[in-house]
Protein backbone atom coordinates (compact mmCIF):
# COMPACT_ATOMS: atom_id res chain seq x y z
CA MET A 1 -19.16 -82.65 86.77
CA PHE A 2 -16.36 -82.46 89.37
CA LYS A 3 -18.56 -84.08 92.03
CA ARG A 4 -19.63 -86.74 89.55
CA VAL A 5 -16.02 -87.63 88.74
CA MET A 6 -14.91 -87.64 92.38
CA VAL A 7 -17.73 -89.99 93.39
CA ALA A 8 -16.66 -92.33 90.58
CA VAL A 9 -12.98 -92.13 91.60
CA VAL A 10 -13.79 -93.02 95.21
CA GLY A 11 -16.77 -95.31 94.72
CA LEU A 12 -15.66 -97.43 91.78
CA PRO A 13 -12.60 -99.00 93.48
CA LEU A 14 -14.72 -99.73 96.56
CA LEU A 15 -17.39 -101.35 94.39
CA ILE A 16 -14.75 -103.45 92.61
CA LEU A 17 -13.25 -104.52 95.94
CA ILE A 18 -16.59 -105.66 97.36
CA LEU A 19 -17.90 -107.38 94.23
CA GLY A 20 -14.68 -109.01 93.06
CA TRP A 21 -12.46 -109.72 96.06
CA ALA A 22 -14.55 -109.67 99.24
CA PRO A 23 -16.53 -112.79 100.25
CA SER A 24 -19.84 -113.26 98.44
CA TRP A 25 -21.80 -112.36 101.58
CA ALA A 26 -20.33 -108.86 101.32
CA THR A 27 -21.97 -108.50 97.90
CA MET A 28 -25.22 -109.68 99.47
CA LEU A 29 -24.99 -107.04 102.23
CA LEU A 30 -24.11 -104.30 99.74
CA LEU A 31 -27.05 -105.16 97.49
CA ALA A 32 -29.40 -105.43 100.48
CA ALA A 33 -28.46 -101.87 101.46
CA MET A 34 -28.77 -100.62 97.87
CA CYS A 35 -32.16 -102.27 97.40
CA ALA A 36 -33.48 -100.85 100.67
CA ILE A 37 -32.32 -97.33 99.77
CA GLY A 38 -33.64 -97.67 96.22
CA ALA A 39 -37.04 -98.84 97.50
CA TRP A 40 -37.20 -95.87 99.86
CA GLU A 41 -36.28 -93.47 97.05
CA LEU A 42 -38.92 -94.87 94.72
CA MET A 43 -41.67 -94.96 97.33
CA ARG A 44 -40.87 -91.42 98.46
CA ALA A 45 -41.04 -90.23 94.85
CA ALA A 46 -44.05 -92.12 93.52
CA ALA A 47 -46.19 -93.65 96.30
CA GLY A 48 -47.80 -90.37 97.34
CA GLU A 49 -49.02 -89.27 100.74
CA LYS A 50 -51.57 -92.09 101.06
CA GLY A 51 -48.92 -94.66 100.22
CA ARG A 52 -46.65 -93.74 103.11
CA PRO A 53 -47.88 -96.65 105.30
CA LEU A 54 -46.31 -99.01 102.74
CA ILE A 55 -42.85 -97.42 102.70
CA LEU A 56 -41.40 -99.36 105.63
CA LEU A 57 -42.82 -102.66 104.35
CA ALA A 58 -41.34 -102.04 100.89
CA VAL A 59 -37.93 -101.13 102.33
CA ILE A 60 -37.83 -104.27 104.52
CA ALA A 61 -38.91 -106.53 101.66
CA ALA A 62 -36.35 -104.98 99.30
CA ALA A 63 -33.55 -105.53 101.83
CA LEU A 64 -34.58 -109.16 102.31
CA VAL A 65 -34.68 -110.05 98.60
CA PRO A 66 -30.86 -110.29 98.20
CA VAL A 67 -30.72 -112.31 101.43
CA CYS A 68 -33.27 -114.77 100.02
CA VAL A 69 -31.40 -114.99 96.72
CA TYR A 70 -28.15 -115.61 98.59
CA LEU A 71 -29.71 -118.43 100.63
CA GLU A 72 -31.23 -120.03 97.53
CA GLU A 73 -28.02 -119.93 95.51
CA SER A 74 -25.79 -120.95 98.41
CA ILE A 75 -27.87 -124.05 99.17
CA ALA A 76 -28.21 -124.94 95.48
CA ASN A 77 -24.43 -124.65 94.93
CA ALA A 78 -23.39 -126.50 98.10
CA ALA A 79 -21.57 -129.73 97.30
CA LEU A 80 -22.88 -131.64 100.32
CA THR A 81 -26.06 -130.52 102.01
CA ALA A 82 -29.22 -132.04 103.39
CA LEU A 83 -31.10 -128.74 103.23
CA PRO A 84 -33.92 -128.48 100.67
CA VAL A 85 -33.67 -125.77 98.02
CA LEU A 86 -36.62 -123.59 98.95
CA PRO A 87 -37.88 -120.66 96.83
CA PHE A 88 -37.15 -118.11 99.55
CA ALA A 89 -37.62 -115.10 97.24
CA ALA A 90 -40.99 -116.40 96.01
CA LEU A 91 -42.13 -117.02 99.59
CA LEU A 92 -41.07 -113.52 100.57
CA GLY A 93 -42.95 -112.09 97.60
CA ALA A 94 -46.11 -113.98 98.44
CA VAL A 95 -46.06 -112.85 102.07
CA PHE A 96 -45.26 -109.25 101.13
CA ILE A 97 -48.07 -108.98 98.59
CA PHE A 98 -50.53 -110.59 101.04
CA VAL A 99 -49.56 -108.13 103.79
CA ILE A 100 -49.79 -104.96 101.71
CA PHE A 101 -53.16 -105.95 100.24
CA ALA A 102 -54.41 -106.86 103.72
CA LEU A 103 -53.32 -103.41 104.88
CA ALA A 104 -55.01 -101.79 101.89
CA ILE A 105 -58.25 -103.65 102.70
CA HIS A 106 -58.03 -102.68 106.36
CA ARG A 107 -57.52 -98.99 105.58
CA TYR A 108 -59.97 -98.78 102.72
CA ASP A 109 -62.10 -95.66 102.95
CA GLU A 110 -62.21 -92.26 101.30
CA GLU A 111 -59.81 -90.52 103.73
CA LYS A 112 -57.22 -93.14 104.76
CA GLY A 113 -57.47 -95.55 101.87
CA ILE A 114 -54.28 -96.69 100.11
CA PRO A 115 -54.70 -96.24 96.34
CA PHE A 116 -53.90 -99.11 94.01
CA ALA A 117 -51.17 -97.01 92.39
CA ALA A 118 -49.34 -96.95 95.74
CA VAL A 119 -49.79 -100.72 96.11
CA THR A 120 -48.27 -101.38 92.68
CA CYS A 121 -45.47 -98.92 93.44
CA ALA A 122 -44.71 -100.87 96.63
CA ILE A 123 -44.65 -104.16 94.70
CA PHE A 124 -42.21 -102.71 92.17
CA ALA A 125 -40.04 -101.08 94.84
CA GLY A 126 -40.08 -103.97 97.29
CA LEU A 127 -39.90 -106.93 94.88
CA VAL A 128 -39.40 -106.23 91.18
CA PHE A 129 -36.55 -103.72 91.45
CA PRO A 130 -34.55 -105.72 94.06
CA LEU A 131 -35.07 -109.00 92.17
CA MET A 132 -33.67 -107.39 89.03
CA LEU A 133 -30.69 -105.84 90.82
CA SER A 134 -30.06 -109.09 92.73
CA CYS A 135 -29.10 -110.71 89.44
CA LEU A 136 -25.70 -109.16 90.22
CA LEU A 137 -25.59 -111.47 93.24
CA ARG A 138 -26.64 -114.46 91.11
CA LEU A 139 -23.72 -113.68 88.80
CA ARG A 140 -21.35 -113.31 91.76
CA LEU A 141 -22.33 -116.77 93.02
CA LEU A 142 -21.61 -118.56 89.72
CA GLY A 143 -18.72 -120.61 91.10
CA ASN A 144 -15.13 -119.60 90.35
CA LEU A 145 -16.27 -117.40 87.47
CA GLY A 146 -18.56 -115.32 89.68
CA PRO A 147 -16.02 -112.68 90.78
CA ALA A 148 -15.40 -111.94 87.09
CA LEU A 149 -18.91 -112.31 85.63
CA VAL A 150 -20.44 -109.92 88.18
CA PHE A 151 -18.67 -107.08 86.36
CA LEU A 152 -20.30 -107.84 82.99
CA PRO A 153 -23.42 -105.70 83.60
CA LEU A 154 -21.29 -102.91 85.07
CA ALA A 155 -18.94 -102.91 82.08
CA ILE A 156 -21.87 -102.61 79.67
CA SER A 157 -23.89 -100.07 81.67
CA PHE A 158 -21.05 -97.80 82.76
CA GLY A 159 -19.46 -97.93 79.30
CA SER A 160 -22.78 -97.10 77.65
CA ASP A 161 -23.60 -94.30 80.13
CA THR A 162 -20.16 -92.70 79.86
CA PHE A 163 -19.93 -92.67 76.07
CA ALA A 164 -23.56 -91.58 75.72
CA LEU A 165 -22.86 -88.63 78.01
CA PHE A 166 -19.78 -87.41 76.14
CA ALA A 167 -21.19 -88.15 72.67
CA GLY A 168 -24.29 -86.18 73.57
CA MET A 169 -22.25 -83.27 74.93
CA LEU A 170 -19.97 -83.12 71.87
CA CYS A 171 -22.25 -84.08 68.99
CA GLY A 172 -25.83 -84.08 70.30
CA LYS A 173 -28.30 -82.30 68.00
CA HIS A 174 -31.36 -84.52 67.59
CA LYS A 175 -33.49 -85.16 70.69
CA LEU A 176 -34.09 -88.81 71.52
CA ALA A 177 -37.06 -88.55 73.90
CA PRO A 178 -37.47 -84.86 74.77
CA LYS A 179 -40.54 -85.28 76.96
CA VAL A 180 -38.89 -88.01 79.03
CA SER A 181 -35.27 -86.86 79.16
CA PRO A 182 -34.66 -83.51 77.42
CA LYS A 183 -30.86 -83.80 77.43
CA LYS A 184 -30.65 -87.21 75.75
CA THR A 185 -29.96 -87.21 72.03
CA VAL A 186 -29.84 -89.69 69.15
CA GLU A 187 -26.11 -89.03 68.82
CA GLY A 188 -25.67 -89.80 72.50
CA ALA A 189 -27.60 -93.05 72.11
CA ILE A 190 -25.30 -94.09 69.25
CA GLY A 191 -22.32 -93.23 71.43
CA GLY A 192 -23.86 -95.42 74.11
CA LEU A 193 -23.94 -98.38 71.72
CA ILE A 194 -20.24 -97.87 71.03
CA GLY A 195 -19.58 -97.52 74.75
CA GLY A 196 -21.34 -100.81 75.48
CA VAL A 197 -19.07 -102.62 73.02
CA ILE A 198 -15.98 -100.86 74.40
CA GLY A 199 -16.99 -101.80 77.94
CA MET A 200 -17.36 -105.44 76.87
CA THR A 201 -14.01 -105.26 75.07
CA LEU A 202 -12.26 -104.05 78.22
CA PHE A 203 -13.98 -106.81 80.19
CA LYS A 204 -12.76 -109.46 77.74
CA LEU A 205 -9.18 -108.19 77.74
CA ILE A 206 -9.01 -108.04 81.53
CA ALA A 207 -10.80 -111.39 81.97
CA ASP A 208 -8.50 -113.08 79.45
CA SER A 209 -5.43 -111.77 81.27
CA ILE A 210 -6.78 -113.11 84.55
CA VAL A 211 -7.47 -116.49 82.96
CA LEU A 212 -3.88 -116.70 81.76
CA SER A 213 -2.29 -115.56 85.02
CA VAL A 214 -4.47 -117.03 87.79
CA ASP A 215 -5.38 -120.71 87.95
CA VAL A 216 -8.47 -120.10 90.10
CA TYR A 217 -10.30 -118.63 87.09
CA PRO A 218 -10.90 -121.31 84.43
CA PRO A 219 -11.58 -120.14 80.87
CA ILE A 220 -14.97 -118.54 80.33
CA GLU A 221 -16.98 -121.10 78.38
CA MET A 222 -19.33 -118.99 76.31
CA ALA A 223 -20.55 -118.46 72.76
CA GLY A 224 -19.14 -121.73 71.47
CA GLY A 225 -15.53 -121.09 72.43
CA PRO A 226 -13.17 -121.66 75.34
CA GLN A 227 -13.28 -117.97 76.19
CA LEU A 228 -15.59 -115.02 75.59
CA SER A 229 -15.66 -114.64 71.80
CA TRP A 230 -15.46 -111.33 69.98
CA ALA A 231 -18.88 -112.05 68.48
CA ALA A 232 -20.31 -112.35 72.00
CA VAL A 233 -18.53 -109.11 72.96
CA PHE A 234 -20.25 -107.28 70.10
CA VAL A 235 -23.71 -108.83 70.61
CA LEU A 236 -23.75 -108.39 74.39
CA GLY A 237 -22.36 -104.87 74.06
CA ILE A 238 -24.97 -103.71 71.54
CA ILE A 239 -28.02 -105.41 73.04
CA GLY A 240 -26.86 -104.63 76.58
CA SER A 241 -26.44 -100.95 75.72
CA ILE A 242 -29.95 -100.79 74.23
CA ILE A 243 -31.37 -102.36 77.39
CA SER A 244 -29.22 -100.04 79.51
CA GLN A 245 -30.62 -96.94 77.79
CA ILE A 246 -34.18 -98.25 78.05
CA GLY A 247 -33.61 -98.77 81.77
CA ASP A 248 -32.37 -95.22 82.15
CA LEU A 249 -35.36 -93.81 80.28
CA SER A 250 -37.77 -96.05 82.19
CA PHE A 251 -36.79 -94.61 85.54
CA SER A 252 -36.84 -91.14 83.96
CA VAL A 253 -40.49 -91.69 82.99
CA ILE A 254 -41.32 -92.21 86.66
CA LYS A 255 -39.47 -89.05 87.64
CA ARG A 256 -41.21 -86.96 84.99
CA GLU A 257 -44.67 -88.25 85.93
CA PHE A 258 -44.20 -87.34 89.59
CA GLY A 259 -42.16 -84.16 89.06
CA VAL A 260 -38.95 -85.44 90.65
CA LYS A 261 -35.55 -84.20 89.46
CA ASP A 262 -33.46 -86.86 91.22
CA TYR A 263 -34.44 -89.83 93.34
CA GLY A 264 -32.01 -88.79 96.06
CA ASN A 265 -28.72 -87.04 96.84
CA LEU A 266 -26.74 -89.93 98.31
CA LEU A 267 -24.22 -89.78 95.45
CA PRO A 268 -23.28 -86.14 94.73
CA GLY A 269 -23.37 -85.41 91.02
CA HIS A 270 -25.25 -88.64 90.32
CA GLY A 271 -28.33 -88.40 92.53
CA GLY A 272 -29.64 -91.42 94.39
CA ILE A 273 -29.14 -95.16 94.03
CA LEU A 274 -31.86 -95.34 91.38
CA ASP A 275 -30.29 -92.49 89.42
CA ARG A 276 -26.92 -94.24 89.25
CA PHE A 277 -27.95 -97.89 88.98
CA ASP A 278 -31.11 -97.57 86.86
CA SER A 279 -29.39 -98.98 83.78
CA VAL A 280 -27.58 -101.70 85.76
CA THR A 281 -30.96 -102.78 87.16
CA PHE A 282 -32.11 -103.64 83.64
CA VAL A 283 -28.83 -105.01 82.27
CA ALA A 284 -28.08 -107.41 85.15
CA PRO A 285 -31.10 -109.70 84.44
CA PHE A 286 -30.28 -109.62 80.71
CA VAL A 287 -26.71 -110.75 81.30
CA TRP A 288 -27.74 -113.44 83.77
CA LEU A 289 -30.39 -114.81 81.36
CA ALA A 290 -27.93 -114.66 78.45
CA LEU A 291 -25.42 -116.73 80.39
CA GLN A 292 -28.13 -119.28 81.25
CA LEU A 293 -28.96 -119.61 77.54
CA PHE A 294 -25.32 -119.95 76.51
């Protein structure tokens, strides 16, 4: 627990600095590194010995996804530009899938063949996971509101994770999904729902104070009001927490199937990138889509 707290004390301010105050390209570089590490962790855990030839390709593709998203959004948001808005991420995905299947065809035999399970693992690690996590970058690039909105998924996920942990430790009696995650309880899940709402409440209070004190942040136009409404706080907190917990359990399913305790040891007390940002990976697309709908 001490290592877990110390990593949070050191890492959280650095994360806030990069996402909220540094230039947007810094967020792109951070996510590129996180996606590359996450892809390596997932491939190492689930691709198997015959899938090793795909690891480098998956890592490179994962690192390039945030770069492609950054280029797409930057060109689309430019006031004056003659550059066409090209689907860079889609082009990358098409090339990546073509290459890994071409490699699988080339190596197909009983001894050196790459199993389809490894191919699908590479597609998830190199494309699906980084595209989901790159929704943080899409949020960061939403104009003047970006430096604030990028923290929405973090507020929901970290709030849900924290309260689920302590509620489970203090009150946990009924197992939630014992075969997937033996330590998770129904009481912890309920605590996570409360934590998601509390995380959103803190986000609203801080965002409202910034709106009132700094002219660069215009009011957040959302949920039918000039600022984030309390109804939106409750809805996003509850639904976001449910998605956050499903994300956590989803990556736990992979670990259980392949007998892995943690995806890595990059973050002492937390594990690897996938262990710490599994819930954020699911919540970020939800938040981004919710904002598009609103």
